[in-house]
PDB file of all heavy atoms in Angstrom:
ATOM      1  N   THR A   1       0.795  -1.224   0.021  1.00  0.00           N
ATOM      2  CA  THR A   1       0.015  -0.037   0.023  1.00  0.00           C
ATOM      3  C   THR A   1       0.783   1.245  -0.002  1.00  0.00           C
ATOM      4  O   THR A   1       1.841   1.353   0.701  1.00  0.00           O
ATOM      5  CB  THR A   1      -0.950   0.052   1.240  1.00  0.00           C
ATOM      6  OG1 THR A   1      -1.819  -1.097   1.163  1.00  0.00           O
ATOM      7  CG2 THR A   1      -1.717   1.315   1.263  1.00  0.00           C
ATOM      8  N   THR A   2       0.402   2.232  -0.782  1.00  0.00           N
ATOM      9  CA  THR A   2       0.866   3.611  -0.650  1.00  0.00           C
ATOM     10  C   THR A   2      -0.264   4.424   0.020  1.00  0.00           C
ATOM     11  O   THR A   2      -1.355   4.526  -0.548  1.00  0.00           O
ATOM     12  CB  THR A   2       1.216   4.240  -2.016  1.00  0.00           C
ATOM     13  OG1 THR A   2       2.247   3.459  -2.676  1.00  0.00           O
ATOM     14  CG2 THR A   2       1.664   5.686  -1.899  1.00  0.00           C
ATOM     15  N   VAL A   3       0.041   4.974   1.188  1.00  0.00           N
ATOM     16  CA  VAL A   3      -0.944   5.815   1.844  1.00  0.00           C
ATOM     17  C   VAL A   3      -0.753   7.245   1.391  1.00  0.00           C
ATOM     18  O   VAL A   3       0.384   7.846   1.502  1.00  0.00           O
ATOM     19  CB  VAL A   3      -0.775   5.778   3.391  1.00  0.00           C
ATOM     20  CG1 VAL A   3      -1.781   6.661   4.063  1.00  0.00           C
ATOM     21  CG2 VAL A   3      -0.898   4.366   3.878  1.00  0.00           C
ATOM     22  N   VAL A   4      -1.748   7.760   0.762  1.00  0.00           N
ATOM     23  CA  VAL A   4      -1.696   9.192   0.245  1.00  0.00           C
ATOM     24  C   VAL A   4      -2.360  10.093   1.182  1.00  0.00           C
ATOM     25  O   VAL A   4      -3.603   9.975   1.540  1.00  0.00           O
ATOM     26  CB  VAL A   4      -2.282   9.256  -1.141  1.00  0.00           C
ATOM     27  CG1 VAL A   4      -2.265  10.683  -1.681  1.00  0.00           C
ATOM     28  CG2 VAL A   4      -1.586   8.325  -2.141  1.00  0.00           C
ATOM     29  N   VAL A   5      -1.691  11.119   1.642  1.00  0.00           N
ATOM     30  CA  VAL A   5      -2.172  12.142   2.508  1.00  0.00           C
ATOM     31  C   VAL A   5      -2.102  13.484   1.817  1.00  0.00           C
ATOM     32  O   VAL A   5      -1.071  13.872   1.264  1.00  0.00           O
ATOM     33  CB  VAL A   5      -1.344  12.335   3.828  1.00  0.00           C
ATOM     34  CG1 VAL A   5      -1.908  13.383   4.673  1.00  0.00           C
ATOM     35  CG2 VAL A   5      -1.344  10.925   4.535  1.00  0.00           C
ATOM     36  N   VAL A   6      -3.274  14.127   1.603  1.00  0.00           N
ATOM     37  CA  VAL A   6      -3.337  15.415   0.960  1.00  0.00           C
ATOM     38  C   VAL A   6      -3.395  16.496   2.038  1.00  0.00           C
ATOM     39  O   VAL A   6      -4.166  16.405   2.971  1.00  0.00           O
ATOM     40  CB  VAL A   6      -4.535  15.514   0.010  1.00  0.00           C
ATOM     41  CG1 VAL A   6      -4.715  16.932  -0.506  1.00  0.00           C
ATOM     42  CG2 VAL A   6      -4.486  14.537  -1.126  1.00  0.00           C
ATOM     43  N   THR A   7      -2.595  17.519   1.859  1.00  0.00           N
ATOM     44  CA  THR A   7      -2.589  18.582   2.834  1.00  0.00           C
ATOM     45  C   THR A   7      -2.563  19.898   2.231  1.00  0.00           C
ATOM     46  O   THR A   7      -2.024  20.093   1.109  1.00  0.00           O
ATOM     47  CB  THR A   7      -1.333  18.423   3.830  1.00  0.00           C
ATOM     48  OG1 THR A   7      -1.452  19.275   4.904  1.00  0.00           O
ATOM     49  CG2 THR A   7      -0.022  18.727   3.086  1.00  0.00           C
ATOM     50  N   TRP A   8      -3.092  20.863   2.856  1.00  0.00           N
ATOM     51  CA  TRP A   8      -3.088  22.256   2.455  1.00  0.00           C
ATOM     52  C   TRP A   8      -3.066  23.138   3.827  1.00  0.00           C
ATOM     53  O   TRP A   8      -4.067  23.055   4.549  1.00  0.00           O
ATOM     54  CB  TRP A   8      -4.262  22.676   1.581  1.00  0.00           C
ATOM     55  CG  TRP A   8      -4.298  24.101   1.296  1.00  0.00           C
ATOM     56  CD1 TRP A   8      -3.407  24.792   0.406  1.00  0.00           C
ATOM     57  CD2 TRP A   8      -5.213  25.084   1.758  1.00  0.00           C
ATOM     58  NE1 TRP A   8      -3.775  26.080   0.341  1.00  0.00           N
ATOM     59  CE2 TRP A   8      -4.881  26.342   1.081  1.00  0.00           C
ATOM     60  CE3 TRP A   8      -6.319  25.074   2.589  1.00  0.00           C
ATOM     61  CZ2 TRP A   8      -5.567  27.509   1.382  1.00  0.00           C
ATOM     62  CZ3 TRP A   8      -7.016  26.244   2.854  1.00  0.00           C
ATOM     63  CH2 TRP A   8      -6.668  27.473   2.222  1.00  0.00           C
ATOM     64  N   ARG A   9      -1.988  23.786   4.040  1.00  0.00           N
ATOM     65  CA  ARG A   9      -1.864  24.531   5.285  1.00  0.00           C
ATOM     66  C   ARG A   9      -2.235  23.639   6.498  1.00  0.00           C
ATOM     67  O   ARG A   9      -2.915  24.055   7.409  1.00  0.00           O
ATOM     68  CB  ARG A   9      -2.759  25.766   5.260  1.00  0.00           C
ATOM     69  CG  ARG A   9      -2.429  26.745   4.094  1.00  0.00           C
ATOM     70  CD  ARG A   9      -3.322  27.997   4.144  1.00  0.00           C
ATOM     71  NE  ARG A   9      -2.949  28.868   3.054  1.00  0.00           N
ATOM     72  CZ  ARG A   9      -3.671  29.944   2.710  1.00  0.00           C
ATOM     73  NH1 ARG A   9      -4.806  30.174   3.342  1.00  0.00           N
ATOM     74  NH2 ARG A   9      -3.298  30.746   1.682  1.00  0.00           N
ATOM     75  N   GLY A  10      -1.607  22.466   6.508  1.00  0.00           N
ATOM     76  CA  GLY A  10      -1.879  21.530   7.563  1.00  0.00           C
ATOM     77  C   GLY A  10      -0.858  21.438   8.641  1.00  0.00           C
ATOM     78  O   GLY A  10      -0.867  20.472   9.399  1.00  0.00           O
ATOM     79  N   ALA A  11      -0.035  22.462   8.732  1.00  0.00           N
ATOM     80  CA  ALA A  11       1.056  22.373   9.787  1.00  0.00           C
ATOM     81  C   ALA A  11       0.567  22.180  11.169  1.00  0.00           C
ATOM     82  O   ALA A  11       1.317  21.635  12.001  1.00  0.00           O
ATOM     83  CB  ALA A  11       1.922  23.599   9.683  1.00  0.00           C
ATOM     84  N   GLY A  12      -0.644  22.644  11.475  1.00  0.00           N
ATOM     85  CA  GLY A  12      -1.149  22.492  12.827  1.00  0.00           C
ATOM     86  C   GLY A  12      -1.593  21.083  13.273  1.00  0.00           C
ATOM     87  O   GLY A  12      -1.726  20.829  14.393  1.00  0.00           O
ATOM     88  N   HIS A  13      -1.818  20.252  12.266  1.00  0.00           N
ATOM     89  CA  HIS A  13      -2.309  18.873  12.632  1.00  0.00           C
ATOM     90  C   HIS A  13      -1.610  17.785  11.831  1.00  0.00           C
ATOM     91  O   HIS A  13      -1.851  16.597  12.094  1.00  0.00           O
ATOM     92  CB  HIS A  13      -3.838  18.867  12.337  1.00  0.00           C
ATOM     93  CG  HIS A  13      -4.225  19.328  10.990  1.00  0.00           C
ATOM     94  ND1 HIS A  13      -4.748  20.609  10.827  1.00  0.00           N
ATOM     95  CD2 HIS A  13      -4.211  18.788   9.768  1.00  0.00           C
ATOM     96  CE1 HIS A  13      -5.042  20.777   9.472  1.00  0.00           C
ATOM     97  NE2 HIS A  13      -4.682  19.719   8.860  1.00  0.00           N
ATOM     98  N   LEU A  14      -0.800  18.077  10.894  1.00  0.00           N
ATOM     99  CA  LEU A  14      -0.229  17.049  10.001  1.00  0.00           C
ATOM    100  C   LEU A  14       0.751  16.164  10.736  1.00  0.00           C
ATOM    101  O   LEU A  14       0.822  14.960  10.471  1.00  0.00           O
ATOM    102  CB  LEU A  14       0.487  17.746   8.782  1.00  0.00           C
ATOM    103  CG  LEU A  14       1.162  16.835   7.766  1.00  0.00           C
ATOM    104  CD1 LEU A  14       0.145  15.893   7.161  1.00  0.00           C
ATOM    105  CD2 LEU A  14       1.787  17.625   6.668  1.00  0.00           C
ATOM    106  N   THR A  15       1.454  16.716  11.667  1.00  0.00           N
ATOM    107  CA  THR A  15       2.392  15.856  12.493  1.00  0.00           C
ATOM    108  C   THR A  15       1.692  14.660  13.168  1.00  0.00           C
ATOM    109  O   THR A  15       2.264  13.566  13.129  1.00  0.00           O
ATOM    110  CB  THR A  15       3.148  16.720  13.542  1.00  0.00           C
ATOM    111  OG1 THR A  15       3.878  17.720  12.847  1.00  0.00           O
ATOM    112  CG2 THR A  15       4.052  15.849  14.382  1.00  0.00           C
ATOM    113  N   ALA A  16       0.555  14.929  13.792  1.00  0.00           N
ATOM    114  CA  ALA A  16      -0.165  13.831  14.378  1.00  0.00           C
ATOM    115  C   ALA A  16      -0.518  12.727  13.425  1.00  0.00           C
ATOM    116  O   ALA A  16      -0.521  11.493  13.760  1.00  0.00           O
ATOM    117  CB  ALA A  16      -1.407  14.360  15.088  1.00  0.00           C
ATOM    118  N   CYS A  17      -0.865  13.150  12.235  1.00  0.00           N
ATOM    119  CA  CYS A  17      -1.272  12.150  11.181  1.00  0.00           C
ATOM    120  C   CYS A  17      -0.033  11.322  10.793  1.00  0.00           C
ATOM    121  O   CYS A  17      -0.066  10.075  10.707  1.00  0.00           O
ATOM    122  CB  CYS A  17      -1.800  12.884   9.933  1.00  0.00           C
ATOM    123  SG  CYS A  17      -2.137  11.810   8.563  1.00  0.00           S
ATOM    124  N   LEU A  18       1.077  11.988  10.582  1.00  0.00           N
ATOM    125  CA  LEU A  18       2.309  11.294  10.174  1.00  0.00           C
ATOM    126  C   LEU A  18       2.828  10.367  11.322  1.00  0.00           C
ATOM    127  O   LEU A  18       3.341   9.294  11.028  1.00  0.00           O
ATOM    128  CB  LEU A  18       3.382  12.309   9.757  1.00  0.00           C
ATOM    129  CG  LEU A  18       3.117  13.094   8.523  1.00  0.00           C
ATOM    130  CD1 LEU A  18       4.185  14.139   8.307  1.00  0.00           C
ATOM    131  CD2 LEU A  18       2.895  12.219   7.326  1.00  0.00           C
ATOM    132  N   ASP A  19       2.698  10.841  12.580  1.00  0.00           N
ATOM    133  CA  ASP A  19       3.110   9.996  13.671  1.00  0.00           C
ATOM    134  C   ASP A  19       2.252   8.707  13.760  1.00  0.00           C
ATOM    135  O   ASP A  19       2.812   7.644  13.970  1.00  0.00           O
ATOM    136  CB  ASP A  19       2.940  10.731  14.996  1.00  0.00           C
ATOM    137  CG  ASP A  19       3.992  11.889  15.176  1.00  0.00           C
ATOM    138  OD1 ASP A  19       4.896  11.948  14.416  1.00  0.00           O
ATOM    139  OD2 ASP A  19       3.742  12.730  16.091  1.00  0.00           O
ATOM    140  N   ALA A  20       0.965   8.873  13.476  1.00  0.00           N
ATOM    141  CA  ALA A  20       0.083   7.679  13.507  1.00  0.00           C
ATOM    142  C   ALA A  20       0.409   6.749  12.337  1.00  0.00           C
ATOM    143  O   ALA A  20       0.351   5.501  12.534  1.00  0.00           O
ATOM    144  CB  ALA A  20      -1.394   8.158  13.436  1.00  0.00           C
ATOM    145  N   LEU A  21       0.797   7.275  11.226  1.00  0.00           N
ATOM    146  CA  LEU A  21       1.210   6.406  10.107  1.00  0.00           C
ATOM    147  C   LEU A  21       2.488   5.664  10.428  1.00  0.00           C
ATOM    148  O   LEU A  21       2.717   4.521  10.127  1.00  0.00           O
ATOM    149  CB  LEU A  21       1.322   7.189   8.815  1.00  0.00           C
ATOM    150  CG  LEU A  21       0.028   7.584   8.185  1.00  0.00           C
ATOM    151  CD1 LEU A  21       0.221   8.416   6.902  1.00  0.00           C
ATOM    152  CD2 LEU A  21      -0.766   6.304   7.766  1.00  0.00           C
ATOM    153  N   ALA A  22       3.407   6.394  11.092  1.00  0.00           N
ATOM    154  CA  ALA A  22       4.708   5.785  11.447  1.00  0.00           C
ATOM    155  C   ALA A  22       4.479   4.621  12.426  1.00  0.00           C
ATOM    156  O   ALA A  22       5.313   3.738  12.521  1.00  0.00           O
ATOM    157  CB  ALA A  22       5.647   6.829  11.991  1.00  0.00           C
ATOM    158  N   ALA A  23       3.393   4.676  13.207  1.00  0.00           N
ATOM    159  CA  ALA A  23       3.170   3.655  14.225  1.00  0.00           C
ATOM    160  C   ALA A  23       2.321   2.490  13.653  1.00  0.00           C
ATOM    161  O   ALA A  23       2.014   1.596  14.427  1.00  0.00           O
ATOM    162  CB  ALA A  23       2.383   4.280  15.364  1.00  0.00           C
ATOM    163  N   GLN A  24       2.081   2.485  12.340  1.00  0.00           N
ATOM    164  CA  GLN A  24       1.294   1.389  11.763  1.00  0.00           C
ATOM    165  C   GLN A  24       2.079   0.089  11.882  1.00  0.00           C
ATOM    166  O   GLN A  24       3.297   0.075  11.767  1.00  0.00           O
ATOM    167  CB  GLN A  24       0.960   1.617  10.310  1.00  0.00           C
ATOM    168  CG  GLN A  24      -0.029   2.801  10.077  1.00  0.00           C
ATOM    169  CD  GLN A  24      -1.408   2.515  10.682  1.00  0.00           C
ATOM    170  OE1 GLN A  24      -2.062   1.540  10.279  1.00  0.00           O
ATOM    171  NE2 GLN A  24      -1.769   3.311  11.598  1.00  0.00           N
ATOM    172  N   ASN A  25       1.336  -1.054  12.111  1.00  0.00           N
ATOM    173  CA  ASN A  25       2.025  -2.314  12.279  1.00  0.00           C
ATOM    174  C   ASN A  25       2.104  -3.118  10.935  1.00  0.00           C
ATOM    175  O   ASN A  25       2.400  -4.285  10.927  1.00  0.00           O
ATOM    176  CB  ASN A  25       1.371  -3.183  13.334  1.00  0.00           C
ATOM    177  CG  ASN A  25      -0.133  -3.419  13.018  1.00  0.00           C
ATOM    178  OD1 ASN A  25      -0.592  -3.357  11.891  1.00  0.00           O
ATOM    179  ND2 ASN A  25      -0.867  -3.834  14.078  1.00  0.00           N
ATOM    180  N   ARG A  26       1.798  -2.510   9.831  1.00  0.00           N
ATOM    181  CA  ARG A  26       1.909  -3.074   8.512  1.00  0.00           C
ATOM    182  C   ARG A  26       2.813  -2.130   7.683  1.00  0.00           C
ATOM    183  O   ARG A  26       2.500  -0.951   7.597  1.00  0.00           O
ATOM    184  CB  ARG A  26       0.552  -3.207   7.889  1.00  0.00           C
ATOM    185  CG  ARG A  26       0.502  -3.927   6.530  1.00  0.00           C
ATOM    186  CD  ARG A  26       0.897  -5.409   6.621  1.00  0.00           C
ATOM    187  NE  ARG A  26       0.098  -6.183   7.512  1.00  0.00           N
ATOM    188  CZ  ARG A  26      -1.086  -6.815   7.166  1.00  0.00           C
ATOM    189  NH1 ARG A  26      -1.595  -6.654   5.851  1.00  0.00           N
ATOM    190  NH2 ARG A  26      -1.757  -7.565   8.032  1.00  0.00           N
ATOM    191  N   PRO A  27       3.857  -2.633   7.012  1.00  0.00           N
ATOM    192  CA  PRO A  27       4.716  -1.848   6.219  1.00  0.00           C
ATOM    193  C   PRO A  27       3.927  -1.190   5.026  1.00  0.00           C
ATOM    194  O   PRO A  27       2.981  -1.710   4.547  1.00  0.00           O
ATOM    195  CB  PRO A  27       5.755  -2.818   5.621  1.00  0.00           C
ATOM    196  CG  PRO A  27       5.724  -3.960   6.549  1.00  0.00           C
ATOM    197  CD  PRO A  27       4.289  -4.086   7.017  1.00  0.00           C
ATOM    198  N   HIS A  28       4.328   0.054   4.772  1.00  0.00           N
ATOM    199  CA  HIS A  28       3.644   0.786   3.705  1.00  0.00           C
ATOM    200  C   HIS A  28       4.542   1.990   3.235  1.00  0.00           C
ATOM    201  O   HIS A  28       5.573   2.210   3.835  1.00  0.00           O
ATOM    202  CB  HIS A  28       2.288   1.375   4.197  1.00  0.00           C
ATOM    203  CG  HIS A  28       2.533   2.397   5.370  1.00  0.00           C
ATOM    204  ND1 HIS A  28       2.736   2.018   6.628  1.00  0.00           N
ATOM    205  CD2 HIS A  28       2.547   3.716   5.306  1.00  0.00           C
ATOM    206  CE1 HIS A  28       2.924   3.033   7.386  1.00  0.00           C
ATOM    207  NE2 HIS A  28       2.777   4.093   6.628  1.00  0.00           N
ATOM    208  N   ARG A  29       4.149   2.594   2.132  1.00  0.00           N
ATOM    209  CA  ARG A  29       4.784   3.799   1.682  1.00  0.00           C
ATOM    210  C   ARG A  29       3.847   4.947   1.981  1.00  0.00           C
ATOM    211  O   ARG A  29       2.627   4.784   2.003  1.00  0.00           O
ATOM    212  CB  ARG A  29       5.043   3.756   0.166  1.00  0.00           C
ATOM    213  CG  ARG A  29       6.001   2.637  -0.292  1.00  0.00           C
ATOM    214  CD  ARG A  29       6.074   2.540  -1.807  1.00  0.00           C
ATOM    215  NE  ARG A  29       6.897   1.415  -2.197  1.00  0.00           N
ATOM    216  CZ  ARG A  29       7.002   0.995  -3.446  1.00  0.00           C
ATOM    217  NH1 ARG A  29       6.387   1.604  -4.404  1.00  0.00           N
ATOM    218  NH2 ARG A  29       7.811  -0.100  -3.734  1.00  0.00           N
ATOM    219  N   THR A  30       4.387   6.077   2.283  1.00  0.00           N
ATOM    220  CA  THR A  30       3.644   7.275   2.582  1.00  0.00           C
ATOM    221  C   THR A  30       3.960   8.364   1.562  1.00  0.00           C
ATOM    222  O   THR A  30       5.183   8.640   1.370  1.00  0.00           O
ATOM    223  CB  THR A  30       3.870   7.831   3.983  1.00  0.00           C
ATOM    224  OG1 THR A  30       3.497   6.823   4.898  1.00  0.00           O
ATOM    225  CG2 THR A  30       3.066   9.069   4.241  1.00  0.00           C
TER     226      THR A  30
END
């Protein structure tokens, strides 16, 4: 899987999303 995250002026909340993706227990591309 490639997980696609679309952002626009997301600096206030994007880190939490990326942290949660980094904690996934299945390998993937982001």
